[in-house]
Amino acid sequence: MSRHRRSSRPAHSRADARKHFSQNFLADAAAARTIVRASGITAGDLVLEIGPGGGMLTGQLLGVARRVLAYEIDPRYAAALRARYAGDDRIRCHHVDFRDVRAPAEPFAVVANIPFAASTDILRWCLTARELTSATLLTQQEFARKYSGDYQRWPKLTVTHWPTVRMSLGPRIGRDRFRPVPRVDAAVLHLRRRERPLLPDRDLARYRQLVDIGFLGVGGSLAASLATQLPSRRVRAAFARAAIATNAPVGSVAPDNWIALYRALS
């Protein structure tokens, strides 16, 4: 959960670096093993790790994965990891902000203790990476619950990508497993690219347009928002076929119901 912000200002001491990058590193080997097991990675996988810090998770990944690409924004930790694994062809450590990284052109997984402050940016990066097969993101527990739908409400980002990527809640990791100790607990947010998308490729753009309209927030309900650009009678009939209440707020409509609604409107 090493949190950081973009800046060109150097950090001169460890305390300065922690403040500058808002670092909270995983400090429990058992928790690291739990995360790697939950990821489902195998010996044939290429794995990207974001913010490895002191390398607690890195060592566990190297015990399983074929190859690890680690991206660390703090130059001191990047240099230390390079020195530790010098001569080991299974790992490359890059001193860079992960948000500036170009995704590999081959299938890969992400397993990482990600920065709280950059969680949304990293989630979006993963969702748009064409060759990503899965992502296991340790982040703020509230964030993981939100995007997995654990609150029985679903944000636009989850609904938009649901036809191609499934998001689910993984293990909780207590805040006492980090150093320094953060204010909140963490949890794993799983992303898994579907082998068979719920909609054909030719429908994805139109589905996402429907989601954009639905999340306009007009009229207090999903049906009201859709009715601003579609005939009301058609909207009511589609809601009936998809078994969605016409007064349902947009956030209460589960992703699978969105798929049914799109099909009904089509």
Protein backbone atom coordinates (compact mmCIF):
# COMPACT_ATOMS: atom_id res chain seq x y z
CA MET A 1 0.00 0.00 0.00
CA SER A 2 2.91 2.34 -0.75
CA ARG A 3 1.10 5.58 -1.56
CA HIS A 4 2.74 8.28 -3.59
CA ARG A 5 2.12 11.48 -5.53
CA ARG A 6 3.86 12.67 -8.67
CA SER A 7 6.51 15.29 -8.06
CA SER A 8 10.03 16.15 -9.15
CA ARG A 9 11.07 17.23 -5.63
CA PRO A 10 13.65 14.77 -4.19
CA ALA A 11 13.17 13.06 -0.86
CA HIS A 12 16.38 13.30 1.22
CA SER A 13 15.73 10.91 4.13
CA ARG A 14 13.63 7.85 4.79
CA ALA A 15 11.17 9.92 6.83
CA ASP A 16 11.00 12.49 4.04
CA ALA A 17 10.41 9.74 1.49
CA ARG A 18 7.58 8.21 3.51
CA LYS A 19 5.94 11.59 3.78
CA HIS A 20 6.66 12.49 0.15
CA PHE A 21 5.38 9.19 -1.27
CA SER A 22 2.96 8.35 1.61
CA GLN A 23 4.53 4.90 1.93
CA ASN A 24 2.95 2.06 3.92
CA PHE A 25 4.78 -1.15 3.12
CA LEU A 26 3.59 -4.71 3.64
CA ALA A 27 5.62 -6.08 6.54
CA ASP A 28 4.14 -9.55 7.04
CA ALA A 29 5.32 -12.57 5.05
CA ALA A 30 2.14 -14.53 5.77
CA ALA A 31 0.04 -11.72 4.33
CA ALA A 32 2.27 -11.64 1.24
CA ARG A 33 1.78 -15.39 0.76
CA THR A 34 -1.98 -14.94 1.12
CA ILE A 35 -2.01 -12.33 -1.64
CA VAL A 36 0.07 -14.45 -4.02
CA ARG A 37 -2.09 -17.53 -3.41
CA ALA A 38 -5.23 -15.46 -3.97
CA SER A 39 -3.85 -14.19 -7.30
CA GLY A 40 -3.85 -17.65 -8.85
CA ILE A 41 -0.63 -16.97 -10.79
CA THR A 42 1.33 -19.95 -12.06
CA ALA A 43 4.87 -20.79 -13.13
CA GLY A 44 4.18 -19.68 -16.69
CA ASP A 45 3.03 -16.15 -15.86
CA LEU A 46 4.61 -12.79 -16.49
CA VAL A 47 3.75 -10.63 -13.45
CA LEU A 48 3.92 -6.87 -13.01
CA GLU A 49 4.37 -5.56 -9.46
CA ILE A 50 3.60 -1.95 -8.57
CA GLY A 51 5.46 -0.26 -5.72
CA PRO A 52 7.46 -3.22 -4.39
CA GLY A 53 9.17 -1.11 -1.69
CA GLY A 54 11.29 -3.39 0.46
CA GLY A 55 10.33 -6.44 -1.62
CA MET A 56 8.14 -8.38 0.82
CA LEU A 57 5.73 -9.34 -1.95
CA THR A 58 8.45 -9.54 -4.61
CA GLY A 59 10.14 -12.53 -3.04
CA GLN A 60 6.87 -14.45 -2.88
CA LEU A 61 6.13 -13.64 -6.53
CA LEU A 62 9.54 -14.90 -7.62
CA GLY A 63 8.77 -18.20 -5.92
CA VAL A 64 5.90 -18.76 -8.35
CA ALA A 65 6.01 -16.60 -11.47
CA ARG A 66 8.09 -17.09 -14.60
CA ARG A 67 9.19 -13.46 -14.63
CA VAL A 68 8.53 -10.31 -12.58
CA LEU A 69 8.65 -6.69 -13.77
CA ALA A 70 8.73 -4.41 -10.71
CA TYR A 71 8.00 -0.68 -10.90
CA GLU A 72 9.13 1.47 -7.98
CA ILE A 73 8.85 5.28 -7.83
CA ASP A 74 11.22 5.69 -4.86
CA PRO A 75 14.81 5.68 -6.21
CA ARG A 76 16.29 4.24 -3.00
CA TYR A 77 14.03 1.19 -2.99
CA ALA A 78 14.45 0.73 -6.75
CA ALA A 79 18.24 0.72 -6.36
CA ALA A 80 18.10 -1.68 -3.40
CA LEU A 81 15.95 -4.16 -5.33
CA ARG A 82 18.25 -3.97 -8.34
CA ALA A 83 21.22 -4.72 -6.11
CA ARG A 84 19.44 -7.58 -4.35
CA TYR A 85 18.47 -9.31 -7.57
CA ALA A 86 21.51 -8.44 -9.68
CA GLY A 87 22.20 -11.30 -12.06
CA ASP A 88 18.71 -12.80 -11.63
CA ASP A 89 17.15 -12.87 -15.10
CA ARG A 90 13.69 -13.55 -13.67
CA ILE A 91 13.23 -9.97 -12.46
CA ARG A 92 13.69 -6.43 -13.72
CA CYS A 93 13.16 -3.45 -11.43
CA HIS A 94 12.35 -0.09 -13.02
CA HIS A 95 12.51 3.29 -11.29
CA VAL A 96 9.34 4.86 -12.71
CA ASP A 97 5.80 5.93 -11.86
CA PHE A 98 3.67 2.95 -12.91
CA ARG A 99 1.04 5.23 -14.38
CA ASP A 100 3.55 6.12 -17.11
CA VAL A 101 4.28 2.48 -18.01
CA ARG A 102 3.21 1.00 -21.34
CA ALA A 103 1.46 -2.36 -20.93
CA PRO A 104 3.30 -5.43 -22.26
CA ALA A 105 2.30 -6.77 -25.66
CA GLU A 106 2.04 -10.32 -24.26
CA PRO A 107 -0.35 -11.79 -21.68
CA PHE A 108 0.48 -10.70 -18.13
CA ALA A 109 -0.94 -10.45 -14.62
CA VAL A 110 -0.63 -7.65 -12.06
CA VAL A 111 -0.08 -8.53 -8.39
CA ALA A 112 0.63 -5.55 -6.18
CA ASN A 113 0.24 -3.69 -2.93
CA ILE A 114 -0.89 -0.53 -4.70
CA PRO A 115 -0.78 3.11 -3.55
CA PHE A 116 -4.03 4.30 -2.02
CA ALA A 117 -3.68 7.72 -3.63
CA ALA A 118 -3.26 6.22 -7.10
CA SER A 119 -5.78 3.37 -6.77
CA THR A 120 -8.27 4.69 -9.32
CA ASP A 121 -5.53 5.52 -11.85
CA ILE A 122 -4.06 2.03 -11.50
CA LEU A 123 -7.46 0.36 -11.75
CA ARG A 124 -8.17 2.26 -14.98
CA TRP A 125 -4.72 1.30 -16.30
CA CYS A 126 -5.44 -2.37 -15.68
CA LEU A 127 -8.92 -2.24 -17.21
CA THR A 128 -7.62 -0.75 -20.46
CA ALA A 129 -4.56 -3.04 -20.81
CA ARG A 130 -5.50 -5.39 -23.65
CA GLU A 131 -3.20 -8.27 -22.68
CA LEU A 132 -3.95 -8.23 -18.94
CA THR A 133 -5.33 -11.58 -17.82
CA SER A 134 -5.84 -10.75 -14.15
CA ALA A 135 -5.01 -8.20 -11.48
CA THR A 136 -4.76 -8.75 -7.74
CA LEU A 137 -4.69 -5.29 -6.19
CA LEU A 138 -4.20 -4.81 -2.46
CA THR A 139 -5.78 -1.46 -1.72
CA GLN A 140 -7.92 0.36 0.81
CA GLN A 141 -10.69 -1.97 1.99
CA GLU A 142 -13.40 0.57 1.19
CA PHE A 143 -12.07 0.94 -2.36
CA ALA A 144 -12.02 -2.84 -2.91
CA ARG A 145 -15.55 -3.20 -1.54
CA LYS A 146 -16.85 -0.34 -3.69
CA TYR A 147 -15.56 -1.58 -7.03
CA SER A 148 -16.43 -5.23 -6.34
CA GLY A 149 -20.05 -4.28 -5.56
CA ASP A 150 -19.77 -5.55 -1.98
CA TYR A 151 -21.98 -2.64 -0.82
CA GLN A 152 -24.67 -3.79 -3.28
CA ARG A 153 -24.03 -0.63 -5.26
CA TRP A 154 -21.99 -0.59 -8.43
CA PRO A 155 -19.93 2.36 -9.75
CA LYS A 156 -19.83 3.32 -13.40
CA LEU A 157 -16.30 1.95 -13.94
CA THR A 158 -17.33 -1.54 -12.81
CA VAL A 159 -20.51 -1.53 -14.90
CA THR A 160 -18.69 -0.21 -17.98
CA HIS A 161 -16.10 -3.00 -18.04
CA TRP A 162 -18.28 -5.84 -16.72
CA PRO A 163 -18.80 -7.50 -20.12
CA THR A 164 -15.06 -8.18 -20.39
CA VAL A 165 -13.69 -8.06 -16.81
CA ARG A 166 -15.11 -9.54 -13.62
CA MET A 167 -14.32 -7.70 -10.37
CA SER A 168 -14.57 -9.41 -7.00
CA LEU A 169 -13.53 -8.93 -3.38
CA GLY A 170 -10.60 -10.94 -2.05
CA PRO A 171 -8.95 -11.39 1.36
CA ARG A 172 -8.86 -8.59 3.92
CA ILE A 173 -5.43 -7.61 5.26
CA GLY A 174 -5.42 -5.82 8.61
CA ARG A 175 -3.68 -2.47 8.89
CA ASP A 176 -1.33 -3.89 11.53
CA ARG A 177 0.40 -5.87 8.75
CA PHE A 178 1.96 -2.67 7.35
CA ARG A 179 4.74 -0.32 8.36
CA PRO A 180 4.07 2.47 9.02
CA VAL A 181 0.58 1.41 10.14
CA PRO A 182 -2.08 3.15 8.01
CA ARG A 183 -5.39 4.42 9.35
CA VAL A 184 -7.55 1.79 7.63
CA ASP A 185 -7.53 -1.89 6.77
CA ALA A 186 -6.76 -3.14 3.27
CA ALA A 187 -8.37 -5.76 1.04
CA VAL A 188 -7.74 -7.40 -2.31
CA LEU A 189 -9.67 -6.30 -5.38
CA HIS A 190 -9.57 -9.05 -8.02
CA LEU A 191 -9.88 -8.36 -11.74
CA ARG A 192 -10.24 -11.33 -14.05
CA ARG A 193 -10.54 -10.93 -17.81
CA ARG A 194 -13.32 -13.15 -19.11
CA GLU A 195 -12.34 -15.86 -21.58
CA ARG A 196 -15.74 -15.38 -23.20
CA PRO A 197 -17.07 -11.81 -22.94
CA LEU A 198 -20.70 -11.41 -21.96
CA LEU A 199 -21.30 -9.39 -25.12
CA PRO A 200 -19.70 -9.71 -28.56
CA ASP A 201 -17.02 -7.17 -29.48
CA ARG A 202 -19.33 -5.47 -31.97
CA ASP A 203 -21.72 -4.56 -29.12
CA LEU A 204 -19.22 -3.19 -26.59
CA ALA A 205 -19.15 0.41 -27.85
CA ARG A 206 -22.97 0.63 -27.89
CA TYR A 207 -23.18 -0.97 -24.44
CA ARG A 208 -20.78 1.62 -23.04
CA GLN A 209 -22.79 4.41 -24.64
CA LEU A 210 -25.84 3.06 -22.82
CA VAL A 211 -23.90 3.10 -19.53
CA ASP A 212 -22.82 6.70 -20.18
CA ILE A 213 -26.44 7.75 -20.66
CA GLY A 214 -27.62 5.78 -17.63
CA PHE A 215 -25.11 7.47 -15.34
CA LEU A 216 -26.13 10.99 -16.39
CA GLY A 217 -27.97 11.31 -13.08
CA VAL A 218 -31.06 12.89 -14.63
CA GLY A 219 -34.49 12.38 -13.04
CA GLY A 220 -33.38 10.37 -10.01
CA SER A 221 -33.47 6.90 -11.60
CA LEU A 222 -31.77 4.86 -14.31
CA ALA A 223 -34.97 4.71 -16.35
CA ALA A 224 -35.40 8.49 -16.20
CA SER A 225 -31.83 9.05 -17.43
CA LEU A 226 -32.27 6.62 -20.33
CA ALA A 227 -35.59 8.22 -21.24
CA THR A 228 -33.79 11.49 -21.99
CA GLN A 229 -32.40 9.88 -25.15
CA LEU A 230 -34.63 6.86 -25.78
CA PRO A 231 -38.44 6.58 -26.15
CA SER A 232 -40.07 6.16 -22.73
CA ARG A 233 -42.26 3.29 -23.88
CA ARG A 234 -39.25 1.40 -25.18
CA VAL A 235 -37.39 2.00 -21.91
CA ARG A 236 -40.31 0.73 -19.78
CA ALA A 237 -40.67 -2.40 -21.91
CA ALA A 238 -36.95 -3.15 -21.68
CA PHE A 239 -36.96 -2.70 -17.89
CA ALA A 240 -39.84 -5.15 -17.64
CA ARG A 241 -37.98 -7.75 -19.74
CA ALA A 242 -34.80 -7.26 -17.71
CA ALA A 243 -36.72 -7.47 -14.39
CA ILE A 244 -35.51 -4.06 -13.21
CA ALA A 245 -37.79 -1.66 -11.31
CA THR A 246 -38.34 1.53 -13.29
CA ASN A 247 -37.64 3.62 -10.18
CA ALA A 248 -34.31 1.91 -9.43
CA PRO A 249 -31.41 4.33 -8.78
CA VAL A 250 -28.58 3.77 -11.22
CA GLY A 251 -26.10 2.59 -8.57
CA SER A 252 -28.44 -0.15 -7.34
CA VAL A 253 -28.59 -1.91 -10.72
CA ALA A 254 -26.18 -4.86 -10.76
CA PRO A 255 -23.85 -5.30 -13.74
CA ASP A 256 -25.54 -8.50 -14.89
CA ASN A 257 -28.85 -6.61 -14.99
CA TRP A 258 -27.19 -3.98 -17.19
CA ILE A 259 -26.30 -6.74 -19.65
CA ALA A 260 -29.91 -7.94 -19.63
CA LEU A 261 -31.12 -4.37 -20.12
CA TYR A 262 -28.82 -3.80 -23.07
CA ARG A 263 -30.05 -6.99 -24.70
CA ALA A 264 -33.68 -6.00 -24.10
CA LEU A 265 -33.13 -2.59 -25.65
CA SER A 266 -31.33 -4.15 -28.62
